[in-house]
Amino acid sequence: MNVLVNELRVECETGLTVAALLSRLEQDKPGVALALNQQILPRTQWADHSLQEGDALLLFQVIAGG
């Protein structure tokens, strides 16, 4: 199955969770947030959310400011 991560195609097996993919890509660092198909997905849901063919993930670094 194919998903997009920051507009790059990534091939992975069916049923892979968001958390497993980010771990595999070494992107499961503190301060990383993501949008899945243009919707913010809370970190608490990463381990339970299975990816689907064509899903698009946008990873970004959370920055505190004011």
C-alpha atoms as a PDB file:
ATOM      1  CA  MET A   1       0.000   0.000   0.000  1.00  0.00           C
ATOM      2  CA  ASN A   2       1.141   3.563  -0.597  1.00  0.00           C
ATOM      3  CA  VAL A   3       0.745   6.636   1.591  1.00  0.00           C
ATOM      4  CA  LEU A   4       2.130  10.149   1.267  1.00  0.00           C
ATOM      5  CA  VAL A   5       4.368  11.584   3.969  1.00  0.00           C
ATOM      6  CA  ASN A   6       5.085  15.272   3.405  1.00  0.00           C
ATOM      7  CA  GLU A   7       4.198  14.709  -0.279  1.00  0.00           C
ATOM      8  CA  LEU A   8       6.661  11.798  -0.674  1.00  0.00           C
ATOM      9  CA  ARG A   9       5.272   8.372  -1.532  1.00  0.00           C
ATOM     10  CA  VAL A  10       6.026   5.742   1.107  1.00  0.00           C
ATOM     11  CA  GLU A  11       5.285   2.069   0.581  1.00  0.00           C
ATOM     12  CA  CYS A  12       4.143   0.112   3.638  1.00  0.00           C
ATOM     13  CA  GLU A  13       2.099  -2.928   4.547  1.00  0.00           C
ATOM     14  CA  THR A  14      -1.657  -2.799   4.983  1.00  0.00           C
ATOM     15  CA  GLY A  15      -2.840  -2.155   8.529  1.00  0.00           C
ATOM     16  CA  LEU A  16       0.285  -0.301   9.664  1.00  0.00           C
ATOM     17  CA  THR A  17      -0.489   2.245  12.374  1.00  0.00           C
ATOM     18  CA  VAL A  18       0.560   5.870  12.268  1.00  0.00           C
ATOM     19  CA  ALA A  19       2.832   5.271  15.285  1.00  0.00           C
ATOM     20  CA  ALA A  20       4.538   2.288  13.623  1.00  0.00           C
ATOM     21  CA  LEU A  21       5.139   4.215  10.407  1.00  0.00           C
ATOM     22  CA  LEU A  22       6.595   7.213  12.234  1.00  0.00           C
ATOM     23  CA  SER A  23       8.834   4.928  14.266  1.00  0.00           C
ATOM     24  CA  ARG A  24      10.034   3.224  11.094  1.00  0.00           C
ATOM     25  CA  LEU A  25      10.767   6.624   9.537  1.00  0.00           C
ATOM     26  CA  GLU A  26      12.454   7.806  12.772  1.00  0.00           C
ATOM     27  CA  GLN A  27       9.984  10.691  13.000  1.00  0.00           C
ATOM     28  CA  ASP A  28       8.338   9.857  16.343  1.00  0.00           C
ATOM     29  CA  LYS A  29      10.244  12.561  18.203  1.00  0.00           C
ATOM     30  CA  PRO A  30       8.932  14.926  20.876  1.00  0.00           C
ATOM     31  CA  GLY A  31       7.389  18.054  19.406  1.00  0.00           C
ATOM     32  CA  VAL A  32       6.268  16.371  16.175  1.00  0.00           C
ATOM     33  CA  ALA A  33       2.618  16.769  15.249  1.00  0.00           C
ATOM     34  CA  LEU A  34       0.766  15.555  12.197  1.00  0.00           C
ATOM     35  CA  ALA A  35      -2.238  16.065  10.047  1.00  0.00           C
ATOM     36  CA  LEU A  36      -3.799  13.015   8.435  1.00  0.00           C
ATOM     37  CA  ASN A  37      -5.782  13.858   5.315  1.00  0.00           C
ATOM     38  CA  GLN A  38      -5.800  17.517   6.376  1.00  0.00           C
ATOM     39  CA  GLN A  39      -7.125  16.803   9.905  1.00  0.00           C
ATOM     40  CA  ILE A  40      -4.947  17.040  13.003  1.00  0.00           C
ATOM     41  CA  LEU A  41      -4.534  13.586  14.541  1.00  0.00           C
ATOM     42  CA  PRO A  42      -3.734  13.773  18.274  1.00  0.00           C
ATOM     43  CA  ARG A  43      -0.636  11.855  19.360  1.00  0.00           C
ATOM     44  CA  THR A  44      -2.853   9.805  21.696  1.00  0.00           C
ATOM     45  CA  GLN A  45      -4.500   8.252  18.601  1.00  0.00           C
ATOM     46  CA  TRP A  46      -1.329   7.414  16.633  1.00  0.00           C
ATOM     47  CA  ALA A  47      -0.964   3.885  18.043  1.00  0.00           C
ATOM     48  CA  ASP A  48      -4.601   3.002  17.308  1.00  0.00           C
ATOM     49  CA  HIS A  49      -5.080   4.556  13.873  1.00  0.00           C
ATOM     50  CA  SER A  50      -4.390   2.194  10.964  1.00  0.00           C
ATOM     51  CA  LEU A  51      -3.348   3.795   7.709  1.00  0.00           C
ATOM     52  CA  GLN A  52      -5.326   3.312   4.500  1.00  0.00           C
ATOM     53  CA  GLU A  53      -4.211   3.298   0.869  1.00  0.00           C
ATOM     54  CA  GLY A  54      -3.662   6.867  -0.308  1.00  0.00           C
ATOM     55  CA  ASP A  55      -3.632   8.506   3.129  1.00  0.00           C
ATOM     56  CA  ALA A  56      -1.656  11.754   3.238  1.00  0.00           C
ATOM     57  CA  LEU A  57       0.338  12.661   6.335  1.00  0.00           C
ATOM     58  CA  LEU A  58       1.835  16.066   6.917  1.00  0.00           C
ATOM     59  CA  LEU A  59       4.449  16.108   9.683  1.00  0.00           C
ATOM     60  CA  PHE A  60       5.477  19.342  11.315  1.00  0.00           C
ATOM     61  CA  GLN A  61       7.408  20.547  14.329  1.00  0.00           C
ATOM     62  CA  VAL A  62       5.325  22.216  17.018  1.00  0.00           C
ATOM     63  CA  ILE A  63       6.828  25.565  18.020  1.00  0.00           C
ATOM     64  CA  ALA A  64       5.744  27.489  21.095  1.00  0.00           C
ATOM     65  CA  GLY A  65       5.507  31.190  20.726  1.00  0.00           C
ATOM     66  CA  GLY A  66       3.510  34.216  21.418  1.00  0.00           C
END
